[in-house]
PDB file of all heavy atoms in Angstrom:
ATOM      1  N   CYS A   1      19.770   1.308  -2.082  1.00  0.00           N
ATOM      2  CA  CYS A   1      18.349   1.136  -1.595  1.00  0.00           C
ATOM      3  C   CYS A   1      17.878   2.509  -1.058  1.00  0.00           C
ATOM      4  O   CYS A   1      18.648   3.298  -0.464  1.00  0.00           O
ATOM      5  CB  CYS A   1      18.343  -0.002  -0.437  1.00  0.00           C
ATOM      6  SG  CYS A   1      18.956  -1.573  -0.969  1.00  0.00           S
ATOM      7  N   PRO A   2      16.627   2.664  -1.061  1.00  0.00           N
ATOM      8  CA  PRO A   2      16.005   3.873  -0.483  1.00  0.00           C
ATOM      9  C   PRO A   2      16.381   3.989   0.941  1.00  0.00           C
ATOM     10  O   PRO A   2      16.191   3.131   1.719  1.00  0.00           O
ATOM     11  CB  PRO A   2      14.499   3.725  -0.725  1.00  0.00           C
ATOM     12  CG  PRO A   2      14.327   2.776  -1.814  1.00  0.00           C
ATOM     13  CD  PRO A   2      15.589   1.765  -1.724  1.00  0.00           C
ATOM     14  N   GLY A   3      17.027   5.170   1.245  1.00  0.00           N
ATOM     15  CA  GLY A   3      17.401   5.313   2.697  1.00  0.00           C
ATOM     16  C   GLY A   3      18.604   4.538   2.973  1.00  0.00           C
ATOM     17  O   GLY A   3      19.072   4.535   4.244  1.00  0.00           O
ATOM     18  N   GLY A   4      19.255   3.881   2.066  1.00  0.00           N
ATOM     19  CA  GLY A   4      20.480   3.165   2.278  1.00  0.00           C
ATOM     20  C   GLY A   4      20.202   1.738   2.919  1.00  0.00           C
ATOM     21  O   GLY A   4      21.124   1.053   3.232  1.00  0.00           O
ATOM     22  N   ARG A   5      18.894   1.313   3.125  1.00  0.00           N
ATOM     23  CA  ARG A   5      18.627   0.129   3.842  1.00  0.00           C
ATOM     24  C   ARG A   5      17.743  -0.721   2.868  1.00  0.00           C
ATOM     25  O   ARG A   5      17.251  -0.364   1.914  1.00  0.00           O
ATOM     26  CB  ARG A   5      17.894   0.411   5.091  1.00  0.00           C
ATOM     27  CG  ARG A   5      18.694   1.227   6.109  1.00  0.00           C
ATOM     28  CD  ARG A   5      17.902   1.503   7.449  1.00  0.00           C
ATOM     29  NE  ARG A   5      18.676   2.292   8.345  1.00  0.00           N
ATOM     30  CZ  ARG A   5      18.233   2.618   9.499  1.00  0.00           C
ATOM     31  NH1 ARG A   5      17.026   2.264   9.834  1.00  0.00           N
ATOM     32  NH2 ARG A   5      18.999   3.421  10.325  1.00  0.00           N
ATOM     33  N   THR A   6      17.675  -1.989   3.376  1.00  0.00           N
ATOM     34  CA  THR A   6      16.759  -2.931   2.696  1.00  0.00           C
ATOM     35  C   THR A   6      15.289  -2.283   2.865  1.00  0.00           C
ATOM     36  O   THR A   6      14.994  -1.494   3.675  1.00  0.00           O
ATOM     37  CB  THR A   6      16.805  -4.315   3.243  1.00  0.00           C
ATOM     38  OG1 THR A   6      16.421  -4.264   4.774  1.00  0.00           O
ATOM     39  CG2 THR A   6      18.102  -4.940   3.080  1.00  0.00           C
ATOM     40  N   THR A   7      14.423  -2.711   1.969  1.00  0.00           N
ATOM     41  CA  THR A   7      12.963  -2.207   1.888  1.00  0.00           C
ATOM     42  C   THR A   7      11.996  -3.342   2.169  1.00  0.00           C
ATOM     43  O   THR A   7      12.397  -4.460   1.893  1.00  0.00           O
ATOM     44  CB  THR A   7      12.796  -1.489   0.597  1.00  0.00           C
ATOM     45  OG1 THR A   7      12.676  -2.534  -0.418  1.00  0.00           O
ATOM     46  CG2 THR A   7      13.894  -0.519   0.144  1.00  0.00           C
ATOM     47  N   PRO A   8      10.810  -2.951   2.487  1.00  0.00           N
ATOM     48  CA  PRO A   8       9.739  -3.970   2.682  1.00  0.00           C
ATOM     49  C   PRO A   8       9.174  -4.368   1.344  1.00  0.00           C
ATOM     50  O   PRO A   8       8.229  -5.136   1.247  1.00  0.00           O
ATOM     51  CB  PRO A   8       8.747  -3.163   3.523  1.00  0.00           C
ATOM     52  CG  PRO A   8       8.845  -1.762   3.080  1.00  0.00           C
ATOM     53  CD  PRO A   8      10.334  -1.644   2.986  1.00  0.00           C
ATOM     54  N   HIS A   9       9.676  -3.929   0.256  1.00  0.00           N
ATOM     55  CA  HIS A   9       9.219  -4.212  -1.099  1.00  0.00           C
ATOM     56  C   HIS A   9       9.322  -5.844  -1.337  1.00  0.00           C
ATOM     57  O   HIS A   9      10.311  -6.345  -1.081  1.00  0.00           O
ATOM     58  CB  HIS A   9      10.040  -3.566  -2.162  1.00  0.00           C
ATOM     59  CG  HIS A   9       9.597  -3.910  -3.561  1.00  0.00           C
ATOM     60  ND1 HIS A   9       8.503  -3.327  -4.353  1.00  0.00           N
ATOM     61  CD2 HIS A   9      10.167  -4.904  -4.495  1.00  0.00           C
ATOM     62  CE1 HIS A   9       8.445  -3.869  -5.427  1.00  0.00           C
ATOM     63  NE2 HIS A   9       9.385  -4.763  -5.578  1.00  0.00           N
ATOM     64  N   GLN A  10       8.181  -6.429  -1.753  1.00  0.00           N
ATOM     65  CA  GLN A  10       8.209  -7.823  -1.840  1.00  0.00           C
ATOM     66  C   GLN A  10       8.901  -8.255  -3.168  1.00  0.00           C
ATOM     67  O   GLN A  10       8.377  -7.768  -4.239  1.00  0.00           O
ATOM     68  CB  GLN A  10       6.717  -8.336  -1.821  1.00  0.00           C
ATOM     69  CG  GLN A  10       6.048  -8.282  -0.512  1.00  0.00           C
ATOM     70  CD  GLN A  10       6.532  -9.363   0.448  1.00  0.00           C
ATOM     71  OE1 GLN A  10       7.265 -10.201   0.086  1.00  0.00           O
ATOM     72  NE2 GLN A  10       6.116  -9.313   1.603  1.00  0.00           N
ATOM     73  N   PRO A  11       9.903  -8.995  -3.030  1.00  0.00           N
ATOM     74  CA  PRO A  11      10.603  -9.541  -4.290  1.00  0.00           C
ATOM     75  C   PRO A  11       9.631 -10.170  -5.337  1.00  0.00           C
ATOM     76  O   PRO A  11       9.741  -9.997  -6.582  1.00  0.00           O
ATOM     77  CB  PRO A  11      11.626 -10.546  -3.887  1.00  0.00           C
ATOM     78  CG  PRO A  11      11.841 -10.150  -2.413  1.00  0.00           C
ATOM     79  CD  PRO A  11      10.573  -9.644  -1.910  1.00  0.00           C
ATOM     80  N   ARG A  12       8.574 -10.861  -4.889  1.00  0.00           N
ATOM     81  CA  ARG A  12       7.614 -11.412  -5.725  1.00  0.00           C
ATOM     82  C   ARG A  12       6.820 -10.537  -6.670  1.00  0.00           C
ATOM     83  O   ARG A  12       6.110 -10.834  -7.539  1.00  0.00           O
ATOM     84  CB  ARG A  12       6.633 -12.508  -5.015  1.00  0.00           C
ATOM     85  CG  ARG A  12       5.779 -11.758  -4.036  1.00  0.00           C
ATOM     86  CD  ARG A  12       4.849 -12.880  -3.494  1.00  0.00           C
ATOM     87  NE  ARG A  12       3.874 -12.304  -2.417  1.00  0.00           N
ATOM     88  CZ  ARG A  12       4.207 -12.439  -1.133  1.00  0.00           C
ATOM     89  NH1 ARG A  12       5.331 -12.994  -0.747  1.00  0.00           N
ATOM     90  NH2 ARG A  12       3.355 -11.905  -0.264  1.00  0.00           N
ATOM     91  N   ASN A  13       6.906  -9.190  -6.249  1.00  0.00           N
ATOM     92  CA  ASN A  13       6.149  -8.185  -7.017  1.00  0.00           C
ATOM     93  C   ASN A  13       6.963  -7.532  -8.111  1.00  0.00           C
ATOM     94  O   ASN A  13       6.595  -6.589  -8.825  1.00  0.00           O
ATOM     95  CB  ASN A  13       5.599  -7.038  -6.131  1.00  0.00           C
ATOM     96  CG  ASN A  13       4.384  -7.468  -5.356  1.00  0.00           C
ATOM     97  OD1 ASN A  13       3.679  -8.400  -5.792  1.00  0.00           O
ATOM     98  ND2 ASN A  13       4.258  -7.023  -4.139  1.00  0.00           N
ATOM     99  N   LEU A  14       8.216  -8.091  -8.311  1.00  0.00           N
ATOM    100  CA  LEU A  14       8.847  -7.648  -9.533  1.00  0.00           C
ATOM    101  C   LEU A  14       8.006  -7.908 -10.854  1.00  0.00           C
ATOM    102  O   LEU A  14       7.418  -8.982 -10.874  1.00  0.00           O
ATOM    103  CB  LEU A  14      10.306  -8.407  -9.635  1.00  0.00           C
ATOM    104  CG  LEU A  14      11.104  -8.153 -10.929  1.00  0.00           C
ATOM    105  CD1 LEU A  14      11.650  -6.747 -10.860  1.00  0.00           C
ATOM    106  CD2 LEU A  14      12.171  -9.139 -11.026  1.00  0.00           C
ATOM    107  N   ASN A  15       7.994  -7.010 -11.716  1.00  0.00           N
ATOM    108  CA  ASN A  15       7.140  -7.072 -12.816  1.00  0.00           C
ATOM    109  C   ASN A  15       7.680  -8.096 -13.905  1.00  0.00           C
ATOM    110  O   ASN A  15       8.071  -7.815 -14.942  1.00  0.00           O
ATOM    111  CB  ASN A  15       6.936  -5.730 -13.509  1.00  0.00           C
ATOM    112  CG  ASN A  15       5.529  -5.659 -14.266  1.00  0.00           C
ATOM    113  OD1 ASN A  15       4.613  -6.083 -13.816  1.00  0.00           O
ATOM    114  ND2 ASN A  15       5.632  -5.059 -15.510  1.00  0.00           N
ATOM    115  N   TYR A  16       7.555  -9.379 -13.528  1.00  0.00           N
ATOM    116  CA  TYR A  16       8.159 -10.485 -14.187  1.00  0.00           C
ATOM    117  C   TYR A  16       7.123 -11.317 -14.778  1.00  0.00           C
ATOM    118  O   TYR A  16       6.017 -11.320 -14.211  1.00  0.00           O
ATOM    119  CB  TYR A  16       9.096 -11.329 -13.321  1.00  0.00           C
ATOM    120  CG  TYR A  16      10.037 -12.242 -13.962  1.00  0.00           C
ATOM    121  CD1 TYR A  16      11.233 -11.710 -14.512  1.00  0.00           C
ATOM    122  CD2 TYR A  16       9.791 -13.613 -13.983  1.00  0.00           C
ATOM    123  CE1 TYR A  16      12.085 -12.496 -15.124  1.00  0.00           C
ATOM    124  CE2 TYR A  16      10.677 -14.404 -14.534  1.00  0.00           C
ATOM    125  CZ  TYR A  16      11.941 -13.849 -15.155  1.00  0.00           C
ATOM    126  OH  TYR A  16      12.875 -14.658 -15.734  1.00  0.00           O
ATOM    127  N   PRO A  17       7.372 -11.954 -15.971  1.00  0.00           N
ATOM    128  CA  PRO A  17       6.240 -12.685 -16.756  1.00  0.00           C
ATOM    129  C   PRO A  17       5.862 -14.024 -16.124  1.00  0.00           C
ATOM    130  O   PRO A  17       5.184 -14.874 -16.690  1.00  0.00           O
ATOM    131  CB  PRO A  17       6.750 -12.840 -18.138  1.00  0.00           C
ATOM    132  CG  PRO A  17       8.036 -11.994 -18.084  1.00  0.00           C
ATOM    133  CD  PRO A  17       8.491 -11.987 -16.847  1.00  0.00           C
ATOM    134  N   SER A  18       6.358 -14.313 -14.892  1.00  0.00           N
ATOM    135  CA  SER A  18       5.921 -15.534 -14.181  1.00  0.00           C
ATOM    136  C   SER A  18       5.737 -15.161 -12.731  1.00  0.00           C
ATOM    137  O   SER A  18       6.067 -14.085 -12.310  1.00  0.00           O
ATOM    138  CB  SER A  18       6.973 -16.715 -14.229  1.00  0.00           C
ATOM    139  OG  SER A  18       8.154 -16.254 -13.682  1.00  0.00           O
ATOM    140  N   PHE A  19       5.177 -16.099 -11.938  1.00  0.00           N
ATOM    141  CA  PHE A  19       4.707 -15.934 -10.545  1.00  0.00           C
ATOM    142  C   PHE A  19       5.316 -17.071  -9.718  1.00  0.00           C
ATOM    143  O   PHE A  19       5.074 -18.208 -10.048  1.00  0.00           O
ATOM    144  CB  PHE A  19       3.298 -15.858 -10.366  1.00  0.00           C
ATOM    145  CG  PHE A  19       2.573 -14.850 -11.322  1.00  0.00           C
ATOM    146  CD1 PHE A  19       2.271 -15.092 -12.553  1.00  0.00           C
ATOM    147  CD2 PHE A  19       2.223 -13.620 -10.818  1.00  0.00           C
ATOM    148  CE1 PHE A  19       1.712 -14.280 -13.414  1.00  0.00           C
ATOM    149  CE2 PHE A  19       1.546 -12.703 -11.659  1.00  0.00           C
ATOM    150  CZ  PHE A  19       1.368 -13.029 -12.956  1.00  0.00           C
ATOM    151  N   GLY A  20       6.129 -16.720  -8.732  1.00  0.00           N
ATOM    152  CA  GLY A  20       6.658 -17.833  -7.949  1.00  0.00           C
ATOM    153  C   GLY A  20       6.916 -17.381  -6.495  1.00  0.00           C
ATOM    154  O   GLY A  20       7.281 -16.196  -6.334  1.00  0.00           O
ATOM    155  N   ALA A  21       6.692 -18.282  -5.507  1.00  0.00           N
ATOM    156  CA  ALA A  21       6.953 -17.902  -4.011  1.00  0.00           C
ATOM    157  C   ALA A  21       7.226 -19.098  -3.345  1.00  0.00           C
ATOM    158  O   ALA A  21       6.720 -20.197  -3.469  1.00  0.00           O
ATOM    159  CB  ALA A  21       5.787 -17.152  -3.510  1.00  0.00           C
ATOM    160  N   HIS A  22       8.126 -19.021  -2.371  1.00  0.00           N
ATOM    161  CA  HIS A  22       8.415 -20.058  -1.333  1.00  0.00           C
ATOM    162  C   HIS A  22       7.482 -19.915  -0.208  1.00  0.00           C
ATOM    163  O   HIS A  22       7.210 -18.854   0.235  1.00  0.00           O
ATOM    164  CB  HIS A  22       9.882 -19.985  -0.915  1.00  0.00           C
ATOM    165  CG  HIS A  22      10.253 -20.944   0.084  1.00  0.00           C
ATOM    166  ND1 HIS A  22      10.197 -20.732   1.508  1.00  0.00           N
ATOM    167  CD2 HIS A  22      10.727 -22.170   0.023  1.00  0.00           C
ATOM    168  CE1 HIS A  22      10.634 -21.807   2.151  1.00  0.00           C
ATOM    169  NE2 HIS A  22      10.878 -22.783   1.290  1.00  0.00           N
ATOM    170  N   VAL A  23       6.997 -21.089   0.295  1.00  0.00           N
ATOM    171  CA  VAL A  23       6.110 -21.019   1.359  1.00  0.00           C
ATOM    172  C   VAL A  23       6.661 -22.180   2.489  1.00  0.00           C
ATOM    173  O   VAL A  23       7.369 -22.995   2.152  1.00  0.00           O
ATOM    174  CB  VAL A  23       4.624 -21.421   1.117  1.00  0.00           C
ATOM    175  CG1 VAL A  23       4.131 -20.446   0.096  1.00  0.00           C
ATOM    176  CG2 VAL A  23       4.608 -22.797   0.427  1.00  0.00           C
ATOM    177  N   GLU A  24       6.240 -21.852   3.704  1.00  0.00           N
ATOM    178  CA  GLU A  24       6.765 -22.761   4.683  1.00  0.00           C
ATOM    179  C   GLU A  24       5.901 -24.033   4.627  1.00  0.00           C
ATOM    180  O   GLU A  24       4.717 -24.029   4.403  1.00  0.00           O
ATOM    181  CB  GLU A  24       6.566 -22.161   6.071  1.00  0.00           C
ATOM    182  CG  GLU A  24       7.445 -20.958   6.384  1.00  0.00           C
ATOM    183  CD  GLU A  24       7.397 -20.439   7.787  1.00  0.00           C
ATOM    184  OE1 GLU A  24       7.394 -21.284   8.719  1.00  0.00           O
ATOM    185  OE2 GLU A  24       7.413 -19.237   7.930  1.00  0.00           O
ATOM    186  N   GLU A  25       6.563 -25.141   4.919  1.00  0.00           N
ATOM    187  CA  GLU A  25       5.867 -26.552   4.928  1.00  0.00           C
ATOM    188  C   GLU A  25       4.673 -26.532   5.918  1.00  0.00           C
ATOM    189  O   GLU A  25       4.928 -26.154   7.047  1.00  0.00           O
ATOM    190  CB  GLU A  25       6.958 -27.536   5.310  1.00  0.00           C
ATOM    191  CG  GLU A  25       6.362 -29.002   5.334  1.00  0.00           C
ATOM    192  CD  GLU A  25       7.420 -29.902   5.981  1.00  0.00           C
ATOM    193  OE1 GLU A  25       8.598 -29.566   6.039  1.00  0.00           O
ATOM    194  OE2 GLU A  25       6.999 -31.052   6.448  1.00  0.00           O
ATOM    195  N   GLY A  26       3.543 -26.975   5.383  1.00  0.00           N
ATOM    196  CA  GLY A  26       2.420 -27.133   6.194  1.00  0.00           C
ATOM    197  C   GLY A  26       1.623 -25.825   6.598  1.00  0.00           C
ATOM    198  O   GLY A  26       0.543 -25.954   7.299  1.00  0.00           O
ATOM    199  N   LYS A  27       2.152 -24.610   6.237  1.00  0.00           N
ATOM    200  CA  LYS A  27       1.533 -23.490   6.636  1.00  0.00           C
ATOM    201  C   LYS A  27       0.494 -23.106   5.443  1.00  0.00           C
ATOM    202  O   LYS A  27       0.760 -23.335   4.258  1.00  0.00           O
ATOM    203  CB  LYS A  27       2.465 -22.310   6.657  1.00  0.00           C
ATOM    204  CG  LYS A  27       3.485 -22.396   7.876  1.00  0.00           C
ATOM    205  CD  LYS A  27       2.693 -22.197   9.169  1.00  0.00           C
ATOM    206  CE  LYS A  27       3.710 -22.228  10.352  1.00  0.00           C
ATOM    207  NZ  LYS A  27       4.687 -21.031  10.385  1.00  0.00           N
ATOM    208  N   LYS A  28      -0.650 -22.611   5.820  1.00  0.00           N
ATOM    209  CA  LYS A  28      -1.603 -22.198   4.915  1.00  0.00           C
ATOM    210  C   LYS A  28      -0.984 -21.093   3.927  1.00  0.00           C
ATOM    211  O   LYS A  28      -0.244 -20.274   4.323  1.00  0.00           O
ATOM    212  CB  LYS A  28      -2.804 -21.479   5.599  1.00  0.00           C
ATOM    213  CG  LYS A  28      -3.785 -22.529   6.189  1.00  0.00           C
ATOM    214  CD  LYS A  28      -5.011 -21.914   6.713  1.00  0.00           C
ATOM    215  CE  LYS A  28      -5.912 -22.957   7.307  1.00  0.00           C
ATOM    216  NZ  LYS A  28      -6.523 -23.863   6.285  1.00  0.00           N
ATOM    217  N   ILE A  29      -1.432 -21.199   2.676  1.00  0.00           N
ATOM    218  CA  ILE A  29      -0.838 -20.413   1.595  1.00  0.00           C
ATOM    219  C   ILE A  29      -1.876 -19.176   1.419  1.00  0.00           C
ATOM    220  O   ILE A  29      -3.018 -19.378   1.224  1.00  0.00           O
ATOM    221  CB  ILE A  29      -0.727 -21.105   0.345  1.00  0.00           C
ATOM    222  CG1 ILE A  29       0.241 -22.282   0.415  1.00  0.00           C
ATOM    223  CG2 ILE A  29      -0.271 -20.205  -0.813  1.00  0.00           C
ATOM    224  CD1 ILE A  29       0.215 -23.264  -0.636  1.00  0.00           C
ATOM    225  N   ASN A  30      -1.282 -17.931   1.457  1.00  0.00           N
ATOM    226  CA  ASN A  30      -2.113 -16.822   1.182  1.00  0.00           C
ATOM    227  C   ASN A  30      -1.153 -15.735   0.590  1.00  0.00           C
ATOM    228  O   ASN A  30      -0.474 -15.037   1.323  1.00  0.00           O
ATOM    229  CB  ASN A  30      -2.709 -16.305   2.466  1.00  0.00           C
ATOM    230  CG  ASN A  30      -3.726 -15.147   2.208  1.00  0.00           C
ATOM    231  OD1 ASN A  30      -3.898 -14.666   1.108  1.00  0.00           O
ATOM    232  ND2 ASN A  30      -4.397 -14.667   3.281  1.00  0.00           N
ATOM    233  N   LEU A  31      -1.072 -15.733  -0.744  1.00  0.00           N
ATOM    234  CA  LEU A  31      -0.158 -14.883  -1.456  1.00  0.00           C
ATOM    235  C   LEU A  31      -0.781 -13.893  -2.307  1.00  0.00           C
ATOM    236  O   LEU A  31      -1.887 -14.290  -2.972  1.00  0.00           O
ATOM    237  CB  LEU A  31       0.847 -15.718  -2.286  1.00  0.00           C
ATOM    238  CG  LEU A  31       1.631 -16.745  -1.456  1.00  0.00           C
ATOM    239  CD1 LEU A  31       2.346 -17.649  -2.445  1.00  0.00           C
ATOM    240  CD2 LEU A  31       2.793 -16.084  -0.598  1.00  0.00           C
ATOM    241  N   LYS A  32      -0.165 -12.713  -2.701  1.00  0.00           N
ATOM    242  CA  LYS A  32      -0.705 -11.890  -3.612  1.00  0.00           C
ATOM    243  C   LYS A  32       0.503 -11.367  -4.409  1.00  0.00           C
ATOM    244  O   LYS A  32       1.562 -11.006  -3.933  1.00  0.00           O
ATOM    245  CB  LYS A  32      -1.343 -10.606  -3.020  1.00  0.00           C
ATOM    246  CG  LYS A  32      -2.700 -10.938  -2.383  1.00  0.00           C
ATOM    247  CD  LYS A  32      -3.334  -9.755  -1.920  1.00  0.00           C
ATOM    248  CE  LYS A  32      -4.657  -9.990  -1.207  1.00  0.00           C
ATOM    249  NZ  LYS A  32      -5.705 -10.639  -2.018  1.00  0.00           N
ATOM    250  N   PHE A  33       0.321 -11.304  -5.813  1.00  0.00           N
ATOM    251  CA  PHE A  33       1.246 -10.800  -6.747  1.00  0.00           C
ATOM    252  C   PHE A  33       0.639  -9.650  -7.459  1.00  0.00           C
ATOM    253  O   PHE A  33      -0.422  -9.811  -8.033  1.00  0.00           O
ATOM    254  CB  PHE A  33       1.659 -11.960  -7.753  1.00  0.00           C
ATOM    255  CG  PHE A  33       2.174 -13.091  -7.095  1.00  0.00           C
ATOM    256  CD1 PHE A  33       1.431 -14.128  -6.725  1.00  0.00           C
ATOM    257  CD2 PHE A  33       3.571 -13.412  -7.037  1.00  0.00           C
ATOM    258  CE1 PHE A  33       1.796 -15.320  -6.186  1.00  0.00           C
ATOM    259  CE2 PHE A  33       4.125 -14.522  -6.561  1.00  0.00           C
ATOM    260  CZ  PHE A  33       3.229 -15.624  -6.034  1.00  0.00           C
ATOM    261  N   THR A  34       1.396  -8.565  -7.643  1.00  0.00           N
ATOM    262  CA  THR A  34       0.928  -7.333  -8.458  1.00  0.00           C
ATOM    263  C   THR A  34       1.835  -7.306  -9.654  1.00  0.00           C
ATOM    264  O   THR A  34       3.069  -7.483  -9.639  1.00  0.00           O
ATOM    265  CB  THR A  34       1.195  -6.063  -7.667  1.00  0.00           C
ATOM    266  OG1 THR A  34       0.435  -6.140  -6.423  1.00  0.00           O
ATOM    267  CG2 THR A  34       0.662  -4.874  -8.472  1.00  0.00           C
ATOM    268  N   ARG A  35       1.160  -7.166 -10.816  1.00  0.00           N
ATOM    269  CA  ARG A  35       1.849  -7.100 -12.093  1.00  0.00           C
ATOM    270  C   ARG A  35       1.153  -5.982 -12.953  1.00  0.00           C
ATOM    271  O   ARG A  35      -0.068  -5.592 -12.758  1.00  0.00           O
ATOM    272  CB  ARG A  35       1.633  -8.326 -12.914  1.00  0.00           C
ATOM    273  CG  ARG A  35       2.433  -9.576 -12.340  1.00  0.00           C
ATOM    274  CD  ARG A  35       3.925  -9.364 -12.331  1.00  0.00           C
ATOM    275  NE  ARG A  35       4.620 -10.571 -11.974  1.00  0.00           N
ATOM    276  CZ  ARG A  35       4.982 -10.911 -10.699  1.00  0.00           C
ATOM    277  NH1 ARG A  35       4.576 -10.058  -9.765  1.00  0.00           N
ATOM    278  NH2 ARG A  35       5.671 -11.967 -10.464  1.00  0.00           N
ATOM    279  N   THR A  36       1.933  -5.442 -13.881  1.00  0.00           N
ATOM    280  CA  THR A  36       1.548  -4.382 -14.882  1.00  0.00           C
ATOM    281  C   THR A  36       1.831  -4.887 -16.278  1.00  0.00           C
ATOM    282  O   THR A  36       2.984  -5.312 -16.575  1.00  0.00           O
ATOM    283  CB  THR A  36       2.082  -3.056 -14.523  1.00  0.00           C
ATOM    284  OG1 THR A  36       1.773  -2.597 -13.255  1.00  0.00           O
ATOM    285  CG2 THR A  36       1.660  -2.006 -15.607  1.00  0.00           C
ATOM    286  N   VAL A  37       0.930  -4.842 -17.173  1.00  0.00           N
ATOM    287  CA  VAL A  37       1.193  -5.224 -18.592  1.00  0.00           C
ATOM    288  C   VAL A  37       1.029  -3.940 -19.406  1.00  0.00           C
ATOM    289  O   VAL A  37       0.217  -3.059 -19.128  1.00  0.00           O
ATOM    290  CB  VAL A  37       0.260  -6.351 -19.067  1.00  0.00           C
ATOM    291  CG1 VAL A  37       0.666  -7.686 -18.464  1.00  0.00           C
ATOM    292  CG2 VAL A  37      -1.196  -5.983 -18.741  1.00  0.00           C
ATOM    293  N   THR A  38       1.825  -3.983 -20.525  1.00  0.00           N
ATOM    294  CA  THR A  38       1.896  -2.873 -21.451  1.00  0.00           C
ATOM    295  C   THR A  38       1.436  -3.346 -22.789  1.00  0.00           C
ATOM    296  O   THR A  38       1.914  -4.417 -23.320  1.00  0.00           O
ATOM    297  CB  THR A  38       3.291  -2.256 -21.608  1.00  0.00           C
ATOM    298  OG1 THR A  38       3.751  -1.808 -20.163  1.00  0.00           O
ATOM    299  CG2 THR A  38       3.272  -1.115 -22.543  1.00  0.00           C
ATOM    300  N   ASN A  39       0.496  -2.516 -23.425  1.00  0.00           N
ATOM    301  CA  ASN A  39      -0.006  -2.864 -24.674  1.00  0.00           C
ATOM    302  C   ASN A  39       0.947  -2.596 -25.763  1.00  0.00           C
ATOM    303  O   ASN A  39       1.307  -1.470 -25.911  1.00  0.00           O
ATOM    304  CB  ASN A  39      -1.405  -2.172 -24.879  1.00  0.00           C
ATOM    305  CG  ASN A  39      -1.993  -2.574 -26.328  1.00  0.00           C
ATOM    306  OD1 ASN A  39      -1.906  -3.681 -26.728  1.00  0.00           O
ATOM    307  ND2 ASN A  39      -2.666  -1.629 -26.909  1.00  0.00           N
ATOM    308  N   VAL A  40       1.504  -3.570 -26.538  1.00  0.00           N
ATOM    309  CA  VAL A  40       2.396  -3.265 -27.589  1.00  0.00           C
ATOM    310  C   VAL A  40       1.735  -3.483 -28.960  1.00  0.00           C
ATOM    311  O   VAL A  40       2.401  -3.669 -29.941  1.00  0.00           O
ATOM    312  CB  VAL A  40       3.675  -4.076 -27.430  1.00  0.00           C
ATOM    313  CG1 VAL A  40       4.442  -3.627 -26.247  1.00  0.00           C
ATOM    314  CG2 VAL A  40       3.276  -5.599 -27.345  1.00  0.00           C
TER     315      VAL A  40
END
């Protein structure tokens, strides 16, 4: 890991072809996912 420690990088921002996140029960949902697509 950078600096040998865990990072604040959000796992949900892995450039994966689906979007998923765990949320706490009853809490308002406010999520953002970043993705990059490549033209083939």
